[in-house]
Protein backbone atom coordinates (compact mmCIF):
# COMPACT_ATOMS: atom_id res chain seq x y z
CA MET A 1 9.57 7.68 -33.02
CA PHE A 2 10.43 5.34 -30.41
CA LEU A 3 14.00 5.86 -30.42
CA GLU A 4 13.68 9.59 -30.34
CA ARG A 5 11.55 9.47 -26.96
CA ARG A 6 13.60 11.17 -24.35
CA LEU A 7 13.67 9.15 -20.89
CA SER A 8 12.19 11.38 -18.28
CA ASP A 9 14.64 12.64 -15.38
CA THR A 10 12.74 10.69 -12.95
CA PHE A 11 13.09 7.31 -14.93
CA LYS A 12 17.00 8.05 -15.10
CA GLU A 13 17.18 8.28 -11.53
CA PHE A 14 15.00 5.12 -11.13
CA ILE A 15 17.58 3.16 -13.30
CA ALA A 16 20.52 4.81 -11.54
CA SER A 17 19.29 4.12 -7.92
CA GLY A 18 18.34 0.45 -8.94
CA LYS A 19 22.10 -0.70 -9.22
CA ALA A 20 23.09 0.87 -5.69
CA GLY A 21 19.64 -0.43 -4.35
CA GLY A 22 20.10 -3.94 -5.45
CA ILE A 23 23.63 -3.68 -3.71
CA VAL A 24 21.83 -2.81 -0.42
CA LEU A 25 19.13 -5.51 -0.67
CA ILE A 26 21.56 -8.16 -1.33
CA VAL A 27 23.75 -7.01 1.60
CA CYS A 28 20.66 -6.81 3.75
CA THR A 29 19.55 -10.36 2.75
CA MET A 30 22.98 -11.89 3.18
CA THR A 31 23.10 -10.23 6.92
CA SER A 32 19.82 -11.54 7.82
CA LEU A 33 20.48 -15.32 6.48
CA VAL A 34 23.79 -15.19 8.37
CA ILE A 35 22.29 -13.78 11.69
CA ALA A 36 19.17 -16.14 11.39
CA ASN A 37 21.48 -19.33 11.17
CA SER A 38 23.78 -17.92 14.03
CA ALA A 39 23.75 -18.57 18.15
CA MET A 40 21.66 -15.10 17.84
CA GLY A 41 19.09 -16.64 15.42
CA ALA A 42 16.31 -17.17 17.82
CA THR A 43 16.67 -13.84 19.41
CA TYR A 44 16.79 -12.08 15.91
CA LEU A 45 13.78 -13.71 14.74
CA GLU A 46 11.86 -12.88 17.90
CA MET A 47 12.58 -9.24 17.58
CA TRP A 48 10.66 -9.20 14.54
CA HIS A 49 7.56 -10.48 16.47
CA PHE A 50 7.81 -7.89 19.26
CA ARG A 51 4.52 -6.14 19.54
CA LEU A 52 4.18 -2.47 19.18
CA ALA A 53 0.94 -0.44 19.42
CA GLY A 54 -1.02 -3.80 18.87
CA LEU A 55 0.92 -5.05 15.84
CA SER A 56 4.21 -7.10 15.69
CA ILE A 57 7.20 -4.96 14.11
CA GLU A 58 7.04 -7.52 11.13
CA HIS A 59 3.54 -6.67 10.80
CA TRP A 60 4.02 -2.88 10.76
CA ILE A 61 6.87 -3.46 8.12
CA ASN A 62 4.72 -5.73 5.87
CA ASP A 63 1.55 -3.68 6.09
CA ALA A 64 2.55 0.08 6.91
CA LEU A 65 6.19 0.48 5.38
CA MET A 66 5.22 -1.63 2.18
CA ALA A 67 1.89 0.41 1.74
CA VAL A 68 4.59 3.21 0.95
CA PHE A 69 6.51 0.86 -1.36
CA PHE A 70 3.01 0.26 -3.05
CA LEU A 71 2.40 4.02 -3.12
CA LEU A 72 5.37 4.57 -5.18
CA ILE A 73 4.47 1.62 -7.78
CA GLY A 74 1.24 3.12 -8.15
CA LEU A 75 2.88 6.74 -8.65
CA GLU A 76 5.30 5.23 -11.10
CA LEU A 77 2.51 3.50 -12.77
CA GLU A 78 0.27 6.49 -13.08
CA ARG A 79 3.22 8.71 -14.91
CA GLU A 80 3.46 5.47 -17.31
CA LEU A 81 0.06 5.97 -17.84
CA TYR A 82 0.11 9.66 -18.79
CA ASN A 83 3.45 10.51 -19.98
CA GLY A 84 5.35 7.25 -20.59
CA GLU A 85 5.53 3.91 -22.53
CA LEU A 86 2.04 2.94 -21.37
CA SER A 87 0.43 6.12 -22.52
CA ASP A 88 0.51 4.85 -26.26
CA LEU A 89 -1.66 1.76 -26.63
CA LYS A 90 0.22 0.55 -29.61
CA ASN A 91 3.58 0.68 -27.49
CA ALA A 92 1.76 -0.29 -24.21
CA LEU A 93 0.62 -3.53 -25.70
CA LEU A 94 3.89 -5.12 -26.00
CA PRO A 95 5.14 -4.99 -22.41
CA MET A 96 1.30 -5.37 -20.98
CA LEU A 97 0.83 -8.67 -23.11
CA ALA A 98 4.45 -9.65 -22.18
CA ALA A 99 3.34 -9.08 -18.52
CA VAL A 100 0.31 -11.45 -18.99
CA GLY A 101 2.51 -14.24 -20.22
CA GLY A 102 5.03 -13.71 -17.44
CA ILE A 103 2.08 -13.93 -14.58
CA ALA A 104 -0.27 -16.79 -16.57
CA VAL A 105 2.70 -19.43 -17.25
CA PRO A 106 4.61 -19.18 -13.98
CA ALA A 107 1.20 -19.46 -11.89
CA LEU A 108 0.19 -22.50 -14.39
CA ILE A 109 3.63 -24.24 -13.72
CA HIS A 110 3.07 -23.95 -9.86
CA LEU A 111 -0.64 -25.37 -10.00
CA ALA A 112 0.56 -28.24 -12.28
CA PHE A 113 2.72 -29.16 -9.22
CA ASN A 114 0.10 -28.15 -6.58
CA GLY A 115 -3.32 -27.95 -7.84
CA GLY A 116 -5.82 -29.16 -5.77
CA THR A 117 -3.77 -29.40 -2.51
CA PRO A 118 -3.21 -26.93 0.20
CA MET A 119 -0.06 -25.41 -1.51
CA GLN A 120 -1.99 -24.35 -4.31
CA ALA A 121 -2.29 -21.12 -2.52
CA GLY A 122 1.21 -20.36 -3.60
CA ALA A 123 0.57 -19.89 -7.22
CA GLY A 124 0.93 -16.18 -6.94
CA ILE A 125 4.30 -16.50 -5.53
CA PRO A 126 6.13 -16.83 -8.93
CA MET A 127 3.90 -14.49 -10.55
CA ALA A 128 5.71 -11.27 -9.70
CA THR A 129 8.87 -9.40 -10.68
CA ASP A 130 11.25 -7.58 -8.42
CA ILE A 131 11.61 -4.12 -9.90
CA ALA A 132 14.50 -2.85 -8.00
CA PHE A 133 16.74 -6.15 -8.55
CA ALA A 134 15.70 -6.63 -12.44
CA LEU A 135 16.63 -3.16 -13.20
CA GLY A 136 19.73 -3.20 -10.93
CA VAL A 137 21.22 -6.29 -12.86
CA LEU A 138 20.14 -4.35 -15.92
CA ALA A 139 22.13 -1.34 -14.69
CA LEU A 140 25.26 -3.37 -14.30
CA LEU A 141 25.62 -3.50 -18.01
CA GLY A 142 25.73 0.03 -18.29
CA ASP A 143 25.15 2.26 -21.14
CA ARG A 144 25.17 -0.73 -23.76
CA VAL A 145 21.75 -1.83 -22.90
CA PRO A 146 19.30 -0.38 -25.48
CA ALA A 147 16.91 2.36 -24.21
CA SER A 148 14.00 0.52 -25.53
CA LEU A 149 14.85 -2.53 -23.30
CA LYS A 150 14.80 -0.40 -20.02
CA ILE A 151 11.68 0.94 -20.86
CA PHE A 152 10.21 -2.46 -21.87
CA LEU A 153 11.52 -4.21 -18.65
CA THR A 154 10.08 -1.27 -16.41
CA ALA A 155 6.86 -1.00 -18.12
CA LEU A 156 6.64 -5.08 -17.69
CA ALA A 157 7.74 -5.17 -14.18
CA VAL A 158 5.25 -2.26 -13.23
CA ILE A 159 2.21 -3.81 -14.77
CA ASP A 160 3.38 -7.22 -13.32
CA ASP A 161 3.33 -5.64 -9.87
CA LEU A 162 -0.08 -4.32 -10.61
CA CYS A 163 -1.46 -7.57 -11.52
CA ALA A 164 0.20 -8.94 -8.25
CA ILE A 165 -1.49 -6.31 -6.20
CA ILE A 166 -4.90 -7.16 -7.92
CA VAL A 167 -4.05 -10.85 -6.83
CA ILE A 168 -3.55 -10.17 -3.07
CA GLY A 169 -6.54 -7.82 -3.01
CA VAL A 170 -8.72 -10.76 -4.81
CA PHE A 171 -7.05 -14.13 -3.64
CA TYR A 172 -5.37 -13.28 -0.22
CA THR A 173 -8.36 -11.45 1.54
CA ALA A 174 -9.47 -12.98 4.75
CA ASN A 175 -12.43 -12.31 7.32
CA LEU A 176 -13.69 -9.55 5.06
CA SER A 177 -15.34 -6.62 7.04
CA VAL A 178 -17.74 -4.71 4.60
CA PRO A 179 -18.33 -1.65 6.81
CA TYR A 180 -14.69 -0.87 7.21
CA LEU A 181 -13.97 -1.74 3.41
CA LEU A 182 -16.99 0.71 2.49
CA GLY A 183 -15.28 3.45 4.85
CA ALA A 184 -11.88 2.88 2.98
CA LEU A 185 -13.70 3.20 -0.23
CA ALA A 186 -15.57 6.17 0.99
CA VAL A 187 -12.21 8.05 1.59
CA PHE A 188 -10.73 7.19 -1.73
CA ALA A 189 -13.76 8.63 -3.31
CA GLY A 190 -13.38 11.69 -1.05
CA LEU A 191 -9.67 12.08 -1.95
CA LEU A 192 -10.64 11.79 -5.81
CA ALA A 193 -13.29 14.52 -5.47
CA MET A 194 -10.54 16.75 -4.00
CA ASN A 195 -8.49 16.13 -6.90
CA ARG A 196 -11.02 16.26 -9.79
CA LEU A 197 -13.55 18.40 -8.51
CA MET A 198 -12.02 20.80 -5.97
CA ARG A 199 -8.49 20.82 -7.52
CA VAL A 200 -6.65 20.59 -4.13
CA MET A 201 -3.04 20.64 -5.24
CA ALA A 202 -1.17 20.43 -1.77
CA LEU A 203 -0.12 16.87 -0.76
CA LEU A 204 -0.72 17.00 2.82
CA PRO A 205 -4.54 16.64 2.80
CA TYR A 206 -4.08 13.48 0.61
CA LEU A 207 -1.47 11.81 2.98
CA LEU A 208 -3.50 12.30 5.87
CA GLY A 209 -6.60 11.06 4.04
CA GLY A 210 -4.26 8.00 2.60
CA ALA A 211 -3.48 7.23 6.42
CA LEU A 212 -7.09 7.16 7.21
CA MET A 213 -7.68 5.09 4.20
CA TRP A 214 -4.71 2.45 5.31
CA PHE A 215 -6.39 2.16 8.89
CA LEU A 216 -9.93 1.29 7.48
CA MET A 217 -8.47 -1.19 4.83
CA LEU A 218 -6.22 -2.91 7.46
CA LYS A 219 -9.46 -3.38 9.61
CA SER A 220 -11.42 -4.45 6.64
CA GLY A 221 -9.36 -7.62 6.11
CA VAL A 222 -8.32 -6.51 2.42
CA HIS A 223 -4.74 -6.06 2.74
CA ALA A 224 -3.70 -2.40 3.89
CA THR A 225 -0.99 -2.07 1.22
CA ILE A 226 -3.76 -1.84 -1.30
CA ALA A 227 -4.47 1.60 0.17
CA GLY A 228 -0.86 2.74 -1.18
CA VAL A 229 -2.07 2.07 -4.80
CA LEU A 230 -5.31 3.73 -4.39
CA LEU A 231 -3.71 6.71 -2.83
CA ALA A 232 -1.42 7.21 -5.89
CA PHE A 233 -4.40 7.27 -8.33
CA ALA A 234 -6.02 9.82 -6.35
CA ILE A 235 -3.32 12.49 -6.02
CA PRO A 236 -3.22 14.83 -8.93
CA TYR A 237 -1.21 14.43 -12.02
CA SER A 238 -1.75 15.88 -15.21
CA ALA A 239 -0.01 15.46 -18.31
CA ARG A 240 -0.66 19.11 -19.30
CA GLN A 241 1.38 20.28 -16.47
CA ASP A 242 5.08 20.75 -16.24
CA ASP A 243 6.01 17.52 -14.85
CA ALA A 244 8.17 18.88 -11.77
CA LYS A 245 5.04 20.76 -10.78
CA SER A 246 2.81 17.65 -10.46
CA PRO A 247 2.20 16.79 -6.97
CA SER A 248 2.41 13.07 -8.04
CA HIS A 249 5.81 13.86 -9.42
CA ARG A 250 7.05 15.80 -6.28
CA LEU A 251 5.67 12.80 -4.35
CA GLU A 252 7.45 10.04 -6.51
CA HIS A 253 10.54 11.94 -6.47
CA ALA A 254 10.48 12.33 -2.64
CA LEU A 255 9.87 8.41 -2.06
CA HIS A 256 12.40 7.02 -4.64
CA LYS A 257 15.52 7.01 -1.82
CA PRO A 258 13.41 6.24 1.35
CA VAL A 259 11.86 3.27 -0.35
CA THR A 260 15.07 1.97 -2.06
CA PHE A 261 17.63 2.43 0.92
CA LEU A 262 15.24 2.25 3.82
CA ILE A 263 11.94 0.42 3.29
CA LEU A 264 13.12 -2.44 1.10
CA PRO A 265 16.39 -3.17 2.83
CA ILE A 266 14.45 -3.31 6.35
CA PHE A 267 11.72 -5.36 4.49
CA ALA A 268 14.52 -7.76 3.63
CA LEU A 269 16.02 -7.61 7.08
CA ALA A 270 12.71 -8.66 8.33
CA ASN A 271 11.57 -11.23 5.89
CA THR A 272 14.80 -13.06 4.80
CA GLY A 273 15.79 -14.48 8.17
CA ILE A 274 15.47 -17.93 6.84
CA VAL A 275 16.82 -20.76 9.03
CA ILE A 276 18.45 -23.16 6.95
CA GLY A 277 17.85 -26.65 8.52
CA ALA A 278 19.22 -30.23 8.09
CA GLY A 279 16.51 -30.97 5.65
CA TRP A 280 16.73 -27.88 3.34
CA ALA A 281 17.69 -29.75 0.20
CA SER A 282 14.45 -31.93 0.50
CA GLU A 283 12.45 -28.61 1.20
CA LEU A 284 13.72 -27.42 -2.23
CA LEU A 285 12.18 -30.62 -3.93
CA SER A 286 8.70 -30.25 -2.39
CA SER A 287 6.01 -29.72 -4.85
CA ASN A 288 5.46 -26.19 -3.73
CA SER A 289 9.15 -25.23 -3.87
CA LEU A 290 9.62 -26.67 -7.41
CA GLY A 291 6.52 -24.82 -8.69
CA ILE A 292 8.14 -21.55 -7.27
CA ILE A 293 11.55 -22.30 -8.81
CA LEU A 294 10.48 -23.65 -11.96
CA GLY A 295 7.71 -20.97 -12.22
CA LEU A 296 10.39 -18.18 -12.01
CA VAL A 297 13.30 -19.52 -13.53
CA VAL A 298 11.49 -21.22 -16.58
CA GLY A 299 7.79 -19.90 -16.50
CA LYS A 300 8.78 -16.16 -16.46
CA PRO A 301 11.30 -16.24 -19.70
CA VAL A 302 8.80 -18.63 -21.54
CA GLY A 303 5.70 -16.57 -20.96
CA ILE A 304 7.14 -13.35 -21.46
CA LEU A 305 8.75 -14.27 -24.82
CA LEU A 306 5.86 -16.41 -26.19
CA PHE A 307 3.27 -13.81 -25.52
CA SER A 308 5.55 -10.98 -26.77
CA PHE A 309 6.24 -12.96 -30.00
CA ALA A 310 2.62 -14.00 -30.63
CA ALA A 311 1.76 -10.18 -30.04
CA VAL A 312 3.98 -9.22 -32.79
CA ALA A 313 3.28 -12.02 -34.94
CA PHE A 314 -0.59 -11.17 -34.94
CA GLY A 315 0.28 -7.61 -35.74
CA LEU A 316 -1.17 -6.30 -32.28
CA CYS A 317 2.05 -4.36 -31.75
CA ARG A 318 5.70 -4.21 -32.98
CA LEU A 319 9.28 -4.83 -31.62
CA PRO A 320 11.10 -1.64 -30.90
CA ALA A 321 13.59 -0.93 -33.55
CA ASP A 322 16.88 -1.19 -31.28
CA ILE A 323 16.09 -4.27 -29.72
CA ALA A 324 15.90 -8.01 -30.82
CA TRP A 325 14.10 -11.03 -29.70
CA ARG A 326 17.25 -12.06 -28.08
CA HIS A 327 16.86 -8.82 -25.85
CA VAL A 328 13.39 -9.81 -25.03
CA ALA A 329 14.37 -13.42 -24.00
CA GLY A 330 17.31 -11.78 -21.78
CA ALA A 331 14.71 -9.66 -20.23
CA GLY A 332 12.37 -12.42 -19.72
CA VAL A 333 14.86 -14.31 -17.92
CA LEU A 334 15.62 -11.23 -15.49
CA GLY A 335 11.69 -11.27 -14.82
CA GLY A 336 12.38 -14.42 -12.77
CA ILE A 337 13.70 -12.46 -10.28
CA GLY A 338 10.78 -12.47 -7.69
CA PHE A 339 12.25 -11.51 -4.38
CA THR A 340 10.22 -8.45 -2.86
CA MET A 341 7.13 -9.29 -4.30
CA SER A 342 7.47 -13.00 -4.21
CA ILE A 343 8.15 -13.16 -0.46
CA PHE A 344 5.43 -10.61 0.27
CA ILE A 345 2.86 -13.09 -1.31
CA ALA A 346 4.36 -15.93 0.24
CA ASN A 347 3.71 -14.57 3.83
CA LEU A 348 0.13 -14.08 2.63
CA ALA A 349 -0.35 -17.43 0.96
CA PHE A 350 0.62 -19.60 4.09
CA PRO A 351 -0.19 -17.28 7.14
CA GLY A 352 -0.39 -20.62 9.35
CA SER A 353 2.54 -22.40 8.68
CA ALA A 354 5.93 -20.93 9.14
CA GLU A 355 7.80 -24.12 7.98
CA VAL A 356 6.18 -23.26 4.53
CA VAL A 357 6.70 -19.73 4.48
CA ASN A 358 10.37 -20.65 5.52
CA ALA A 359 10.67 -23.06 2.62
CA SER A 360 8.84 -20.72 0.26
CA LYS A 361 11.27 -18.08 0.77
CA MET A 362 14.38 -20.32 0.47
CA ALA A 363 12.92 -21.34 -3.18
CA ILE A 364 12.43 -17.59 -3.96
CA LEU A 365 15.79 -16.60 -3.18
CA LEU A 366 17.29 -19.65 -5.01
CA ALA A 367 15.32 -18.92 -8.19
CA SER A 368 16.04 -14.98 -7.86
CA LEU A 369 19.57 -15.68 -7.70
CA VAL A 370 19.56 -18.21 -10.62
CA ALA A 371 17.49 -15.79 -12.73
CA GLY A 372 19.59 -12.74 -12.00
CA VAL A 373 22.85 -14.57 -12.80
CA LEU A 374 21.65 -16.07 -15.91
CA GLY A 375 19.70 -12.65 -17.07
CA PHE A 376 22.82 -10.91 -16.73
CA ALA A 377 24.77 -13.64 -18.58
CA CYS A 378 22.41 -13.58 -21.34
CA LEU A 379 22.00 -10.03 -21.87
CA LYS A 380 25.94 -9.46 -21.53
CA ALA A 381 26.33 -11.90 -24.39
CA VAL A 382 23.76 -10.06 -26.40
CA VAL A 383 25.01 -6.44 -26.06
CA ASN A 384 28.35 -7.44 -26.72
CA THR A 385 27.51 -8.84 -30.08
CA GLY A 386 26.54 -5.39 -31.14
CA LYS A 387 23.40 -3.99 -32.66
CA PRO A 388 20.36 -6.23 -33.82
CA THR A 389 20.27 -7.61 -37.07
CA SER A 390 18.94 -5.89 -40.14
CA THR A 391 15.42 -7.63 -39.45
CA SER A 392 14.82 -5.80 -36.40
CA THR A 393 16.94 -2.43 -36.86
CA SER A 394 15.76 0.56 -38.59
CA THR A 395 16.62 4.49 -38.15
CA SER A 396 14.00 6.89 -36.79
């Protein structure tokens, strides 16, 4: 039964680190904002554009370090598909369809404001959910949060990020080089052969092959972080193995803390140096900014709740026994915390306009703050009311 399903040690660690990781991200974001708007602002912003081995520091962070973050996302998704909530189609359908709603409605809201204009490239910005922040806010509520809600939000956010990765690969690719792309895919095929045919269980060959695939993907014009996700699915993971012995599990376990406490904070420092000028208020009222803010704050909870309700109403899946619709609504509000992925996509959507990127990031930060505070308040009110009503509860 759903309530009897035990959370894996890795999942518990994921939840536990989310609270501390979210605090670190907030501190780094506030630090970056303060420095960018101080007398050292120009020097601070210029520092990220210093070139090293042909790429700027910001480029190395966004293309290389974030590939490791995407690798972790891929490993998390792989584990969910084998042993987690996504391994059972009936259970997986609820977060899957909720994620579809949480992607489609925000994108449509942004397009309603910006369709047919150069700003429509930003439609992908409000589609994403920041796993670290969303679970960090959830962790603040402690053990009062139903286990099913944690699993639902995690699965939703992972699927959400996977869809965002697909959007990046399909819609934010420029100057495609077919030979390099074919080379990257050939390396991926070789890694799959090492896994499925040769049964290579050592991690080093996969990591070396992943580095080569990353380089070829970078040269191909497809965003290099896609290599991180492909590598995750090439690394051996078997549901029949002891989880602790799986190479995929070992790498996932090793990456959690570096990603949470090093890579994402560095990303925040490099990408949230937003200069708040005299016309910041008018920038937040631009069509692009309104599309981002309303997409995250309104579109996310509406899309998640409506698609979840429709899925249950049509009998495609059922609501877990320990949560009610008010829990799903609160989780939907938390889904509006875009932050990392939204900022990442904003950089890709408007590469030639620093002003538009700056305004987009400001809208993302505001929307994520509002979604985080409202989501926490909603769920705190819900968990304080006790267990769901009789229509939603049952014993396992």
